[in-house]
Amino acid sequence: MIGDIFEVIWVSLIAGVGITASFSFVVLGSGRSAEARREGHSIATVAYGALAVVFLIVFFGGFVYAIDVLLTKR
């Protein structure tokens, strides 16, 4: 019983921090990509854009996995 409660606490903490951090990297990559594009730095634009896309995929993957866990009876 107590072990289950601690498992819920640490899993939700890890998931919350992970999802928040991944979306933060999406915002960071998008902003830096736009700034680099305005300044004419094409390599940095692509690199930051790729960072944003990768973490957007991570974010949506975590979101879909969380919905799957919520809707699946185990």
PDB file of N, CA and C in Angstrom:
ATOM      1  N   MET A   1       0.825  -1.197   0.000  1.00  0.00           N
ATOM      2  CA  MET A   1       0.000   0.000   0.000  1.00  0.00           C
ATOM      3  C   MET A   1       0.872   1.264   0.000  1.00  0.00           C
ATOM      4  N   ILE A   2       1.760   1.383   0.972  1.00  0.00           N
ATOM      5  CA  ILE A   2       2.629   2.555   1.047  1.00  0.00           C
ATOM      6  C   ILE A   2       3.586   2.571  -0.140  1.00  0.00           C
ATOM      7  N   GLY A   3       4.069   1.392  -0.539  1.00  0.00           N
ATOM      8  CA  GLY A   3       4.956   1.308  -1.696  1.00  0.00           C
ATOM      9  C   GLY A   3       4.273   1.774  -2.969  1.00  0.00           C
ATOM     10  N   ASP A   4       2.986   1.457  -3.106  1.00  0.00           N
ATOM     11  CA  ASP A   4       2.231   1.907  -4.282  1.00  0.00           C
ATOM     12  C   ASP A   4       2.093   3.423  -4.303  1.00  0.00           C
ATOM     13  N   ILE A   5       1.888   4.015  -3.140  1.00  0.00           N
ATOM     14  CA  ILE A   5       1.753   5.470  -3.060  1.00  0.00           C
ATOM     15  C   ILE A   5       3.067   6.145  -3.447  1.00  0.00           C
ATOM     16  N   PHE A   6       4.180   5.617  -2.942  1.00  0.00           N
ATOM     17  CA  PHE A   6       5.479   6.185  -3.303  1.00  0.00           C
ATOM     18  C   PHE A   6       5.777   6.001  -4.786  1.00  0.00           C
ATOM     19  N   GLU A   7       5.339   4.877  -5.354  1.00  0.00           N
ATOM     20  CA  GLU A   7       5.533   4.663  -6.792  1.00  0.00           C
ATOM     21  C   GLU A   7       4.757   5.697  -7.600  1.00  0.00           C
ATOM     22  N   VAL A   8       3.531   5.966  -7.213  1.00  0.00           N
ATOM     23  CA  VAL A   8       2.724   6.980  -7.901  1.00  0.00           C
ATOM     24  C   VAL A   8       3.386   8.351  -7.789  1.00  0.00           C
ATOM     25  N   ILE A   9       3.909   8.667  -6.613  1.00  0.00           N
ATOM     26  CA  ILE A   9       4.536   9.973  -6.401  1.00  0.00           C
ATOM     27  C   ILE A   9       5.765  10.139  -7.281  1.00  0.00           C
ATOM     28  N   TRP A  10       6.670   9.175  -7.297  1.00  0.00           N
ATOM     29  CA  TRP A  10       7.900   9.378  -8.071  1.00  0.00           C
ATOM     30  C   TRP A  10       7.666   9.273  -9.562  1.00  0.00           C
ATOM     31  N   VAL A  11       6.733   8.410 -10.002  1.00  0.00           N
ATOM     32  CA  VAL A  11       6.442   8.317 -11.434  1.00  0.00           C
ATOM     33  C   VAL A  11       5.794   9.606 -11.927  1.00  0.00           C
ATOM     34  N   SER A  12       4.864  10.149 -11.160  1.00  0.00           N
ATOM     35  CA  SER A  12       4.217  11.394 -11.587  1.00  0.00           C
ATOM     36  C   SER A  12       5.196  12.564 -11.550  1.00  0.00           C
ATOM     37  N   LEU A  13       6.113  12.569 -10.608  1.00  0.00           N
ATOM     38  CA  LEU A  13       7.128  13.619 -10.549  1.00  0.00           C
ATOM     39  C   LEU A  13       8.049  13.555 -11.765  1.00  0.00           C
ATOM     40  N   ILE A  14       8.514  12.363 -12.092  1.00  0.00           N
ATOM     41  CA  ILE A  14       9.387  12.186 -13.262  1.00  0.00           C
ATOM     42  C   ILE A  14       8.640  12.557 -14.542  1.00  0.00           C
ATOM     43  N   ALA A  15       7.404  12.109 -14.672  1.00  0.00           N
ATOM     44  CA  ALA A  15       6.624  12.410 -15.878  1.00  0.00           C
ATOM     45  C   ALA A  15       6.353  13.906 -15.993  1.00  0.00           C
ATOM     46  N   GLY A  16       6.003  14.540 -14.900  1.00  0.00           N
ATOM     47  CA  GLY A  16       5.728  15.973 -14.932  1.00  0.00           C
ATOM     48  C   GLY A  16       6.947  16.792 -15.305  1.00  0.00           C
ATOM     49  N   VAL A  17       8.076  16.457 -14.728  1.00  0.00           N
ATOM     50  CA  VAL A  17       9.311  17.171 -15.046  1.00  0.00           C
ATOM     51  C   VAL A  17       9.733  16.879 -16.485  1.00  0.00           C
ATOM     52  N   GLY A  18       9.604  15.636 -16.920  1.00  0.00           N
ATOM     53  CA  GLY A  18      10.003  15.265 -18.276  1.00  0.00           C
ATOM     54  C   GLY A  18       9.169  15.939 -19.346  1.00  0.00           C
ATOM     55  N   ILE A  19       7.855  15.942 -19.176  1.00  0.00           N
ATOM     56  CA  ILE A  19       6.973  16.571 -20.161  1.00  0.00           C
ATOM     57  C   ILE A  19       7.196  18.081 -20.172  1.00  0.00           C
ATOM     58  N   THR A  20       7.336  18.681 -18.997  1.00  0.00           N
ATOM     59  CA  THR A  20       7.575  20.120 -18.921  1.00  0.00           C
ATOM     60  C   THR A  20       8.910  20.494 -19.556  1.00  0.00           C
ATOM     61  N   ALA A  21       9.939  19.731 -19.271  1.00  0.00           N
ATOM     62  CA  ALA A  21      11.263  20.009 -19.841  1.00  0.00           C
ATOM     63  C   ALA A  21      11.259  19.840 -21.356  1.00  0.00           C
ATOM     64  N   SER A  22      10.581  18.807 -21.856  1.00  0.00           N
ATOM     65  CA  SER A  22      10.566  18.611 -23.308  1.00  0.00           C
ATOM     66  C   SER A  22       9.854  19.763 -24.007  1.00  0.00           C
ATOM     67  N   PHE A  23       8.751  20.242 -23.456  1.00  0.00           N
ATOM     68  CA  PHE A  23       8.070  21.374 -24.087  1.00  0.00           C
ATOM     69  C   PHE A  23       8.894  22.657 -23.941  1.00  0.00           C
ATOM     70  N   SER A  24       9.640  22.777 -22.856  1.00  0.00           N
ATOM     71  CA  SER A  24      10.524  23.937 -22.702  1.00  0.00           C
ATOM     72  C   SER A  24      11.590  23.961 -23.786  1.00  0.00           C
ATOM     73  N   PHE A  25      12.110  22.792 -24.148  1.00  0.00           N
ATOM     74  CA  PHE A  25      13.084  22.729 -25.238  1.00  0.00           C
ATOM     75  C   PHE A  25      12.446  23.035 -26.587  1.00  0.00           C
ATOM     76  N   VAL A  26      11.165  22.716 -26.747  1.00  0.00           N
ATOM     77  CA  VAL A  26      10.456  23.097 -27.977  1.00  0.00           C
ATOM     78  C   VAL A  26      10.400  24.619 -28.086  1.00  0.00           C
ATOM     79  N   VAL A  27      10.043  25.273 -27.005  1.00  0.00           N
ATOM     80  CA  VAL A  27       9.961  26.739 -26.998  1.00  0.00           C
ATOM     81  C   VAL A  27      11.347  27.347 -27.210  1.00  0.00           C
ATOM     82  N   LEU A  28      12.352  26.818 -26.532  1.00  0.00           N
ATOM     83  CA  LEU A  28      13.722  27.312 -26.684  1.00  0.00           C
ATOM     84  C   LEU A  28      14.204  27.166 -28.127  1.00  0.00           C
ATOM     85  N   GLY A  29      14.030  25.992 -28.699  1.00  0.00           N
ATOM     86  CA  GLY A  29      14.479  25.757 -30.066  1.00  0.00           C
ATOM     87  C   GLY A  29      13.754  26.622 -31.073  1.00  0.00           C
ATOM     88  N   SER A  30      12.463  26.805 -30.888  1.00  0.00           N
ATOM     89  CA  SER A  30      11.688  27.643 -31.806  1.00  0.00           C
ATOM     90  C   SER A  30      12.130  29.098 -31.734  1.00  0.00           C
ATOM     91  N   GLY A  31      12.296  29.594 -30.533  1.00  0.00           N
ATOM     92  CA  GLY A  31      12.713  30.986 -30.360  1.00  0.00           C
ATOM     93  C   GLY A  31      14.107  31.253 -30.890  1.00  0.00           C
ATOM     94  N   ARG A  32      15.026  30.372 -30.566  1.00  0.00           N
ATOM     95  CA  ARG A  32      16.400  30.549 -31.045  1.00  0.00           C
ATOM     96  C   ARG A  32      16.483  30.370 -32.557  1.00  0.00           C
ATOM     97  N   SER A  33      15.674  29.482 -33.107  1.00  0.00           N
ATOM     98  CA  SER A  33      15.661  29.293 -34.557  1.00  0.00           C
ATOM     99  C   SER A  33      15.168  30.552 -35.262  1.00  0.00           C
ATOM    100  N   ALA A  34      14.117  31.154 -34.734  1.00  0.00           N
ATOM    101  CA  ALA A  34      13.594  32.389 -35.327  1.00  0.00           C
ATOM    102  C   ALA A  34      14.614  33.521 -35.215  1.00  0.00           C
ATOM    103  N   GLU A  35      15.277  33.601 -34.073  1.00  0.00           N
ATOM    104  CA  GLU A  35      16.290  34.643 -33.880  1.00  0.00           C
ATOM    105  C   GLU A  35      17.474  34.442 -34.827  1.00  0.00           C
ATOM    106  N   ALA A  36      17.920  33.207 -34.973  1.00  0.00           N
ATOM    107  CA  ALA A  36      19.041  32.921 -35.879  1.00  0.00           C
ATOM    108  C   ALA A  36      18.656  33.184 -37.333  1.00  0.00           C
ATOM    109  N   ARG A  37      17.399  32.910 -37.682  1.00  0.00           N
ATOM    110  CA  ARG A  37      16.935  33.174 -39.051  1.00  0.00           C
ATOM    111  C   ARG A  37      16.954  34.661 -39.345  1.00  0.00           C
ATOM    112  N   ARG A  38      16.514  35.475 -38.384  1.00  0.00           N
ATOM    113  CA  ARG A  38      16.520  36.928 -38.574  1.00  0.00           C
ATOM    114  C   ARG A  38      17.934  37.472 -38.730  1.00  0.00           C
ATOM    115  N   GLU A  39      18.889  36.853 -38.043  1.00  0.00           N
ATOM    116  CA  GLU A  39      20.277  37.311 -38.111  1.00  0.00           C
ATOM    117  C   GLU A  39      21.041  36.707 -39.282  1.00  0.00           C
ATOM    118  N   GLY A  40      20.418  35.793 -40.019  1.00  0.00           N
ATOM    119  CA  GLY A  40      21.043  35.215 -41.198  1.00  0.00           C
ATOM    120  C   GLY A  40      21.984  34.055 -40.942  1.00  0.00           C
ATOM    121  N   HIS A  41      21.864  33.397 -39.806  1.00  0.00           N
ATOM    122  CA  HIS A  41      22.709  32.245 -39.477  1.00  0.00           C
ATOM    123  C   HIS A  41      21.968  30.962 -39.861  1.00  0.00           C
ATOM    124  N   SER A  42      22.205  30.485 -41.068  1.00  0.00           N
ATOM    125  CA  SER A  42      21.413  29.363 -41.579  1.00  0.00           C
ATOM    126  C   SER A  42      21.695  28.047 -40.855  1.00  0.00           C
ATOM    127  N   ILE A  43      22.937  27.779 -40.483  1.00  0.00           N
ATOM    128  CA  ILE A  43      23.254  26.519 -39.801  1.00  0.00           C
ATOM    129  C   ILE A  43      22.611  26.491 -38.416  1.00  0.00           C
ATOM    130  N   ALA A  44      22.686  27.592 -37.700  1.00  0.00           N
ATOM    131  CA  ALA A  44      22.061  27.666 -36.379  1.00  0.00           C
ATOM    132  C   ALA A  44      20.545  27.568 -36.488  1.00  0.00           C
ATOM    133  N   THR A  45      19.983  28.144 -37.554  1.00  0.00           N
ATOM    134  CA  THR A  45      18.539  28.061 -37.761  1.00  0.00           C
ATOM    135  C   THR A  45      18.101  26.613 -37.895  1.00  0.00           C
ATOM    136  N   VAL A  46      18.819  25.863 -38.707  1.00  0.00           N
ATOM    137  CA  VAL A  46      18.481  24.451 -38.913  1.00  0.00           C
ATOM    138  C   VAL A  46      18.700  23.648 -37.632  1.00  0.00           C
ATOM    139  N   ALA A  47      19.783  23.907 -36.932  1.00  0.00           N
ATOM    140  CA  ALA A  47      20.084  23.159 -35.708  1.00  0.00           C
ATOM    141  C   ALA A  47      19.024  23.397 -34.634  1.00  0.00           C
ATOM    142  N   TYR A  48      18.675  24.650 -34.409  1.00  0.00           N
ATOM    143  CA  TYR A  48      17.653  24.940 -33.401  1.00  0.00           C
ATOM    144  C   TYR A  48      16.273  24.465 -33.853  1.00  0.00           C
ATOM    145  N   GLY A  49      16.003  24.534 -35.142  1.00  0.00           N
ATOM    146  CA  GLY A  49      14.744  24.003 -35.657  1.00  0.00           C
ATOM    147  C   GLY A  49      14.654  22.500 -35.455  1.00  0.00           C
ATOM    148  N   ALA A  50      15.764  21.803 -35.694  1.00  0.00           N
ATOM    149  CA  ALA A  50      15.796  20.354 -35.479  1.00  0.00           C
ATOM    150  C   ALA A  50      15.612  20.020 -34.000  1.00  0.00           C
ATOM    151  N   LEU A  51      16.233  20.814 -33.127  1.00  0.00           N
ATOM    152  CA  LEU A  51      16.054  20.623 -31.690  1.00  0.00           C
ATOM    153  C   LEU A  51      14.580  20.749 -31.312  1.00  0.00           C
ATOM    154  N   ALA A  52      13.923  21.764 -31.851  1.00  0.00           N
ATOM    155  CA  ALA A  52      12.507  21.975 -31.557  1.00  0.00           C
ATOM    156  C   ALA A  52      11.664  20.813 -32.066  1.00  0.00           C
ATOM    157  N   VAL A  53      11.946  20.332 -33.257  1.00  0.00           N
ATOM    158  CA  VAL A  53      11.160  19.234 -33.833  1.00  0.00           C
ATOM    159  C   VAL A  53      11.362  17.941 -33.042  1.00  0.00           C
ATOM    160  N   VAL A  54      12.603  17.646 -32.680  1.00  0.00           N
ATOM    161  CA  VAL A  54      12.880  16.420 -31.920  1.00  0.00           C
ATOM    162  C   VAL A  54      12.151  16.442 -30.584  1.00  0.00           C
ATOM    163  N   PHE A  55      12.226  17.557 -29.881  1.00  0.00           N
ATOM    164  CA  PHE A  55      11.570  17.611 -28.583  1.00  0.00           C
ATOM    165  C   PHE A  55      10.055  17.732 -28.702  1.00  0.00           C
ATOM    166  N   LEU A  56       9.553  18.227 -29.820  1.00  0.00           N
ATOM    167  CA  LEU A  56       8.109  18.209 -30.045  1.00  0.00           C
ATOM    168  C   LEU A  56       7.634  16.772 -30.218  1.00  0.00           C
ATOM    169  N   ILE A  57       8.419  15.962 -30.919  1.00  0.00           N
ATOM    170  CA  ILE A  57       8.085  14.541 -31.067  1.00  0.00           C
ATOM    171  C   ILE A  57       8.140  13.840 -29.710  1.00  0.00           C
ATOM    172  N   VAL A  58       9.151  14.155 -28.906  1.00  0.00           N
ATOM    173  CA  VAL A  58       9.253  13.584 -27.557  1.00  0.00           C
ATOM    174  C   VAL A  58       8.050  13.994 -26.716  1.00  0.00           C
ATOM    175  N   PHE A  59       7.667  15.266 -26.794  1.00  0.00           N
ATOM    176  CA  PHE A  59       6.521  15.768 -26.033  1.00  0.00           C
ATOM    177  C   PHE A  59       5.240  15.038 -26.424  1.00  0.00           C
ATOM    178  N   PHE A  60       4.966  14.966 -27.729  1.00  0.00           N
ATOM    179  CA  PHE A  60       3.745  14.295 -28.167  1.00  0.00           C
ATOM    180  C   PHE A  60       3.787  12.798 -27.884  1.00  0.00           C
ATOM    181  N   GLY A  61       4.971  12.192 -27.967  1.00  0.00           N
ATOM    182  CA  GLY A  61       5.095  10.780 -27.611  1.00  0.00           C
ATOM    183  C   GLY A  61       4.757  10.540 -26.152  1.00  0.00           C
ATOM    184  N   GLY A  62       5.258  11.388 -25.277  1.00  0.00           N
ATOM    185  CA  GLY A  62       4.925  11.280 -23.857  1.00  0.00           C
ATOM    186  C   GLY A  62       3.459  11.520 -23.589  1.00  0.00           C
ATOM    187  N   PHE A  63       2.882  12.466 -24.314  1.00  0.00           N
ATOM    188  CA  PHE A  63       1.459  12.766 -24.157  1.00  0.00           C
ATOM    189  C   PHE A  63       0.606  11.574 -24.584  1.00  0.00           C
ATOM    190  N   VAL A  64       0.916  11.006 -25.734  1.00  0.00           N
ATOM    191  CA  VAL A  64       0.153   9.854 -26.233  1.00  0.00           C
ATOM    192  C   VAL A  64       0.328   8.660 -25.303  1.00  0.00           C
ATOM    193  N   TYR A  65       1.538   8.438 -24.820  1.00  0.00           N
ATOM    194  CA  TYR A  65       1.768   7.340 -23.884  1.00  0.00           C
ATOM    195  C   TYR A  65       0.973   7.542 -22.593  1.00  0.00           C
ATOM    196  N   ALA A  66       0.931   8.762 -22.091  1.00  0.00           N
ATOM    197  CA  ALA A  66       0.173   9.042 -20.867  1.00  0.00           C
ATOM    198  C   ALA A  66      -1.316   8.792 -21.069  1.00  0.00           C
ATOM    199  N   ILE A  67      -1.852   9.203 -22.212  1.00  0.00           N
ATOM    200  CA  ILE A  67      -3.267   8.949 -22.496  1.00  0.00           C
ATOM    201  C   ILE A  67      -3.522   7.455 -22.605  1.00  0.00           C
ATOM    202  N   ASP A  68      -2.598   6.719 -23.230  1.00  0.00           N
ATOM    203  CA  ASP A  68      -2.735   5.270 -23.346  1.00  0.00           C
ATOM    204  C   ASP A  68      -2.749   4.608 -21.970  1.00  0.00           C
ATOM    205  N   VAL A  69      -1.868   5.045 -21.090  1.00  0.00           N
ATOM    206  CA  VAL A  69      -1.827   4.485 -19.738  1.00  0.00           C
ATOM    207  C   VAL A  69      -3.118   4.800 -18.990  1.00  0.00           C
ATOM    208  N   LEU A  70      -3.635   6.004 -19.163  1.00  0.00           N
ATOM    209  CA  LEU A  70      -4.870   6.377 -18.472  1.00  0.00           C
ATOM    210  C   LEU A  70      -6.071   5.567 -18.943  1.00  0.00           C
ATOM    211  N   LEU A  71      -6.114   5.255 -20.226  1.00  0.00           N
ATOM    212  CA  LEU A  71      -7.289   4.592 -20.787  1.00  0.00           C
ATOM    213  C   LEU A  71      -7.201   3.073 -20.799  1.00  0.00           C
ATOM    214  N   THR A  72      -6.045   2.513 -20.503  1.00  0.00           N
ATOM    215  CA  THR A  72      -5.860   1.067 -20.519  1.00  0.00           C
ATOM    216  C   THR A  72      -5.968   0.529 -19.102  1.00  0.00           C
ATOM    217  N   LYS A  73      -6.833  -0.461 -18.946  1.00  0.00           N
ATOM    218  CA  LYS A  73      -6.941  -1.103 -17.638  1.00  0.00           C
ATOM    219  C   LYS A  73      -5.812  -2.107 -17.503  1.00  0.00           C
ATOM    220  N   ARG A  74      -5.099  -2.047 -16.406  1.00  0.00           N
ATOM    221  CA  ARG A  74      -3.985  -2.978 -16.177  1.00  0.00           C
ATOM    222  C   ARG A  74      -4.206  -3.754 -14.922  1.00  0.00           C
TER     223      ARG A  74
END
